[in-house]
């Protein structure tokens, strides 16, 4: 009897501790991590890429960079919505 009560209490505390956009933020952070790993892989490819391939890698790096900037902007927007500044 005590075990279900403790589990229910733990679940209630965890549910109330999270923000409204917890799962959205988690997904965006996961996407940001994936994009960062992709960027590292592209930078590693530059070490051995031939000249025609190097131009393609530069384009891919620019695309990943734009995606990273977009995800960061979304994360900042969600944070501002969650923590509005009082004036």
N, C-alpha and C. Protein backbone atom coordinates (compact mmCIF):
# COMPACT_ATOMS: atom_id res chain seq x y z
N UNK A 1 0.81 -1.19 0.00
CA UNK A 1 0.00 0.00 0.00
C UNK A 1 0.87 1.27 0.00
N UNK A 2 1.98 1.20 0.69
CA UNK A 2 2.86 2.36 0.77
C UNK A 2 3.56 2.63 -0.56
N UNK A 3 3.91 1.57 -1.28
CA UNK A 3 4.63 1.72 -2.54
C UNK A 3 3.80 2.51 -3.58
N UNK A 4 2.51 2.17 -3.81
CA UNK A 4 1.74 2.97 -4.77
C UNK A 4 1.58 4.43 -4.35
N UNK A 5 1.48 4.68 -3.06
CA UNK A 5 1.35 6.06 -2.58
C UNK A 5 2.63 6.84 -2.86
N UNK A 6 3.78 6.21 -2.61
CA UNK A 6 5.05 6.88 -2.90
C UNK A 6 5.24 7.13 -4.39
N UNK A 7 4.85 6.17 -5.20
CA UNK A 7 4.95 6.35 -6.66
C UNK A 7 4.05 7.49 -7.12
N UNK A 8 2.81 7.51 -6.61
CA UNK A 8 1.88 8.58 -6.97
C UNK A 8 2.42 9.94 -6.53
N UNK A 9 2.95 10.01 -5.34
CA UNK A 9 3.53 11.26 -4.84
C UNK A 9 4.70 11.70 -5.72
N UNK A 10 5.59 10.77 -6.08
CA UNK A 10 6.72 11.10 -6.94
C UNK A 10 6.29 11.58 -8.30
N UNK A 11 5.29 10.94 -8.88
CA UNK A 11 4.79 11.34 -10.19
C UNK A 11 4.16 12.74 -10.13
N UNK A 12 3.45 13.03 -9.06
CA UNK A 12 2.82 14.34 -8.91
C UNK A 12 3.87 15.44 -8.80
N UNK A 13 4.89 15.19 -8.01
CA UNK A 13 5.96 16.18 -7.85
C UNK A 13 6.66 16.41 -9.18
N UNK A 14 6.97 15.34 -9.89
CA UNK A 14 7.67 15.48 -11.18
C UNK A 14 6.80 16.21 -12.20
N UNK A 15 5.52 15.90 -12.22
CA UNK A 15 4.62 16.53 -13.19
C UNK A 15 4.48 18.02 -12.93
N UNK A 16 4.48 18.42 -11.67
CA UNK A 16 4.34 19.83 -11.35
C UNK A 16 5.65 20.59 -11.50
N UNK A 17 6.77 19.90 -11.45
CA UNK A 17 8.06 20.57 -11.52
C UNK A 17 8.42 20.97 -12.94
N UNK A 18 7.86 20.30 -13.94
CA UNK A 18 8.21 20.59 -15.32
C UNK A 18 7.45 21.81 -15.83
N UNK A 19 8.03 22.46 -16.84
CA UNK A 19 7.39 23.60 -17.47
C UNK A 19 6.34 23.12 -18.47
N UNK A 20 5.57 24.05 -18.98
CA UNK A 20 4.54 23.71 -19.96
C UNK A 20 5.13 23.10 -21.22
N UNK A 21 6.29 23.57 -21.64
CA UNK A 21 6.88 23.14 -22.91
C UNK A 21 8.01 22.14 -22.71
N UNK A 22 7.95 21.34 -21.67
CA UNK A 22 9.06 20.44 -21.34
C UNK A 22 9.38 19.50 -22.48
N UNK A 23 8.38 18.86 -23.06
CA UNK A 23 8.63 17.87 -24.11
C UNK A 23 9.08 18.54 -25.41
N UNK A 24 8.57 19.71 -25.68
CA UNK A 24 9.01 20.46 -26.87
C UNK A 24 10.48 20.84 -26.70
N UNK A 25 10.82 21.34 -25.53
CA UNK A 25 12.21 21.73 -25.26
C UNK A 25 13.12 20.51 -25.34
N UNK A 26 12.68 19.39 -24.79
CA UNK A 26 13.48 18.18 -24.85
C UNK A 26 13.73 17.77 -26.30
N UNK A 27 12.69 17.82 -27.13
CA UNK A 27 12.84 17.47 -28.54
C UNK A 27 13.79 18.41 -29.27
N UNK A 28 13.68 19.70 -28.98
CA UNK A 28 14.57 20.67 -29.62
C UNK A 28 16.01 20.49 -29.16
N UNK A 29 16.20 20.19 -27.88
CA UNK A 29 17.57 19.96 -27.40
C UNK A 29 18.16 18.70 -28.02
N UNK A 30 17.34 17.68 -28.20
CA UNK A 30 17.81 16.46 -28.86
C UNK A 30 18.18 16.75 -30.32
N UNK A 31 17.34 17.54 -30.99
CA UNK A 31 17.64 17.93 -32.37
C UNK A 31 18.93 18.74 -32.44
N UNK A 32 19.12 19.64 -31.48
CA UNK A 32 20.34 20.45 -31.44
C UNK A 32 21.57 19.58 -31.26
N UNK A 33 21.46 18.58 -30.41
CA UNK A 33 22.58 17.66 -30.21
C UNK A 33 22.89 16.89 -31.48
N UNK A 34 21.86 16.43 -32.18
CA UNK A 34 22.05 15.71 -33.44
C UNK A 34 22.71 16.61 -34.48
N UNK A 35 22.25 17.84 -34.57
CA UNK A 35 22.83 18.78 -35.54
C UNK A 35 24.29 19.08 -35.20
N UNK A 36 24.59 19.18 -33.92
CA UNK A 36 25.98 19.42 -33.51
C UNK A 36 26.87 18.25 -33.91
N UNK A 37 26.39 17.04 -33.71
CA UNK A 37 27.18 15.87 -34.12
C UNK A 37 27.35 15.84 -35.64
N UNK A 38 26.31 16.22 -36.38
CA UNK A 38 26.43 16.28 -37.83
C UNK A 38 27.47 17.32 -38.25
N UNK A 39 27.48 18.44 -37.56
CA UNK A 39 28.46 19.49 -37.87
C UNK A 39 29.88 18.98 -37.62
N UNK A 40 30.11 18.30 -36.51
CA UNK A 40 31.43 17.74 -36.24
C UNK A 40 31.84 16.75 -37.32
N UNK A 41 30.91 15.94 -37.79
CA UNK A 41 31.22 14.98 -38.84
C UNK A 41 31.59 15.71 -40.14
N UNK A 42 30.87 16.76 -40.46
CA UNK A 42 31.19 17.52 -41.66
C UNK A 42 32.56 18.19 -41.54
N UNK A 43 32.87 18.71 -40.37
CA UNK A 43 34.19 19.33 -40.18
C UNK A 43 35.30 18.29 -40.28
N UNK A 44 35.03 17.08 -39.84
CA UNK A 44 36.01 16.00 -39.98
C UNK A 44 36.20 15.63 -41.45
N UNK A 45 35.12 15.67 -42.23
CA UNK A 45 35.21 15.34 -43.65
C UNK A 45 36.10 16.33 -44.40
N UNK A 46 36.19 17.55 -43.90
CA UNK A 46 37.05 18.53 -44.56
C UNK A 46 38.52 18.12 -44.53
N UNK A 47 38.90 17.28 -43.59
CA UNK A 47 40.30 16.87 -43.48
C UNK A 47 40.74 16.03 -44.67
N UNK A 48 39.81 15.30 -45.28
CA UNK A 48 40.21 14.40 -46.36
C UNK A 48 39.41 14.60 -47.65
N UNK A 49 38.59 15.64 -47.72
CA UNK A 49 37.76 15.86 -48.90
C UNK A 49 38.57 16.45 -50.05
N UNK A 50 38.31 15.98 -51.26
CA UNK A 50 38.93 16.56 -52.44
C UNK A 50 38.23 17.89 -52.75
N UNK A 51 38.80 18.64 -53.68
CA UNK A 51 38.28 19.99 -53.96
C UNK A 51 36.81 20.00 -54.40
N UNK A 52 36.37 19.14 -55.33
CA UNK A 52 34.94 19.18 -55.70
C UNK A 52 34.03 18.80 -54.52
N UNK A 53 34.47 17.84 -53.72
CA UNK A 53 33.68 17.42 -52.57
C UNK A 53 33.71 18.48 -51.46
N UNK A 54 34.81 19.19 -51.39
CA UNK A 54 34.96 20.22 -50.35
C UNK A 54 33.89 21.31 -50.50
N UNK A 55 33.57 21.67 -51.73
CA UNK A 55 32.53 22.68 -51.96
C UNK A 55 31.17 22.18 -51.48
N UNK A 56 30.91 20.90 -51.71
CA UNK A 56 29.65 20.30 -51.24
C UNK A 56 29.59 20.28 -49.70
N UNK A 57 30.72 19.97 -49.07
CA UNK A 57 30.78 19.95 -47.61
C UNK A 57 30.55 21.35 -47.06
N UNK A 58 31.10 22.36 -47.71
CA UNK A 58 30.87 23.75 -47.28
C UNK A 58 29.37 24.09 -47.30
N UNK A 59 28.69 23.65 -48.38
CA UNK A 59 27.25 23.89 -48.48
C UNK A 59 26.49 23.16 -47.37
N UNK A 60 26.89 21.93 -47.10
CA UNK A 60 26.24 21.16 -46.04
C UNK A 60 26.48 21.80 -44.67
N UNK A 61 27.68 22.31 -44.44
CA UNK A 61 27.99 22.99 -43.18
C UNK A 61 27.11 24.23 -43.03
N UNK A 62 26.94 24.98 -44.10
CA UNK A 62 26.09 26.18 -44.05
C UNK A 62 24.65 25.80 -43.73
N UNK A 63 24.17 24.69 -44.30
CA UNK A 63 22.81 24.24 -44.03
C UNK A 63 22.63 23.82 -42.58
N UNK A 64 23.60 23.07 -42.04
CA UNK A 64 23.53 22.64 -40.65
C UNK A 64 23.62 23.86 -39.73
N UNK A 65 24.46 24.80 -40.09
CA UNK A 65 24.60 26.02 -39.29
C UNK A 65 23.27 26.78 -39.23
N UNK A 66 22.58 26.87 -40.36
CA UNK A 66 21.28 27.55 -40.38
C UNK A 66 20.27 26.80 -39.52
N UNK A 67 20.29 25.46 -39.59
CA UNK A 67 19.38 24.66 -38.77
C UNK A 67 19.67 24.85 -37.28
N UNK A 68 20.95 24.88 -36.92
CA UNK A 68 21.33 25.09 -35.52
C UNK A 68 20.83 26.45 -35.04
N UNK A 69 21.02 27.49 -35.86
CA UNK A 69 20.55 28.83 -35.48
C UNK A 69 19.04 28.84 -35.30
N UNK A 70 18.31 28.13 -36.14
CA UNK A 70 16.85 28.06 -36.04
C UNK A 70 16.41 27.38 -34.75
N UNK A 71 17.05 26.26 -34.42
CA UNK A 71 16.69 25.53 -33.20
C UNK A 71 17.00 26.38 -31.97
N UNK A 72 18.14 27.05 -31.97
CA UNK A 72 18.49 27.90 -30.83
C UNK A 72 17.48 29.04 -30.69
N UNK A 73 17.06 29.62 -31.80
CA UNK A 73 16.06 30.69 -31.75
C UNK A 73 14.74 30.17 -31.18
N UNK A 74 14.36 28.95 -31.55
CA UNK A 74 13.13 28.37 -31.00
C UNK A 74 13.25 28.12 -29.51
N UNK A 75 14.40 27.63 -29.07
CA UNK A 75 14.63 27.39 -27.65
C UNK A 75 14.56 28.70 -26.85
N UNK A 76 15.15 29.74 -27.39
CA UNK A 76 15.11 31.04 -26.71
C UNK A 76 13.68 31.57 -26.66
N UNK A 77 12.94 31.40 -27.75
CA UNK A 77 11.55 31.86 -27.79
C UNK A 77 10.71 31.12 -26.74
N UNK A 78 10.89 29.81 -26.62
CA UNK A 78 10.16 29.05 -25.61
C UNK A 78 10.55 29.47 -24.20
N UNK A 79 11.83 29.77 -24.00
CA UNK A 79 12.26 30.21 -22.68
C UNK A 79 11.65 31.56 -22.32
N UNK A 80 11.59 32.47 -23.29
CA UNK A 80 10.99 33.78 -23.05
C UNK A 80 9.50 33.63 -22.74
N UNK A 81 8.82 32.70 -23.43
CA UNK A 81 7.41 32.47 -23.15
C UNK A 81 7.21 31.88 -21.75
N UNK A 82 8.13 31.03 -21.34
CA UNK A 82 8.02 30.38 -20.03
C UNK A 82 8.41 31.31 -18.89
N UNK A 83 9.35 32.22 -19.16
CA UNK A 83 9.84 33.13 -18.14
C UNK A 83 9.75 34.57 -18.63
N UNK A 84 8.54 35.11 -18.70
CA UNK A 84 8.41 36.49 -19.20
C UNK A 84 9.07 37.48 -18.24
N UNK A 85 9.62 38.53 -18.82
CA UNK A 85 10.26 39.56 -18.00
C UNK A 85 9.20 40.53 -17.50
N UNK A 86 9.31 40.90 -16.25
CA UNK A 86 8.37 41.87 -15.70
C UNK A 86 8.96 43.26 -15.80
N UNK A 87 8.18 44.17 -16.29
CA UNK A 87 8.66 45.55 -16.45
C UNK A 87 7.87 46.48 -15.59
